[in-house]
């Protein structure tokens, strides 16, 4: 993409901020160009956020039914999936999925709970509640 072709349509999901994109200048060299985004990017971002909100709500309902632990709810609420949570915490994905079981989650050590809370940017006290 050339520097004069960088989209400047606007993207409400950026909250008025700009983002940097690489584009090729007239001399053929790559340059960093500021962009306010474009409509397609906004649509896709909104769809992804809606999907994560839906997953969080479904997880919240499963927590209320006792089918999963609040960990799954908080993971989706933090806009994460199992792979990202595994990378952030340094735990294996299968361990995280195992911690979705309410009985297993209830027996987690305080250190492991702290690790999860830090990874998702919440307090340890909120980790047990799906709210």
Foldseek 3Di string as FASTA:
>chain_A
DELVPAEAAAAVVVVPDWDWDWHAYPVRDIDTHIHRDDDVVNVVVVVLLVVLVVQLVVLQVCVVVQNWFLLSNLCSVLVHDLVLLCVQLVHDSVVSVVCRRPVNVVPDDPVSLVSSCVSSVHDSVCRRHSD
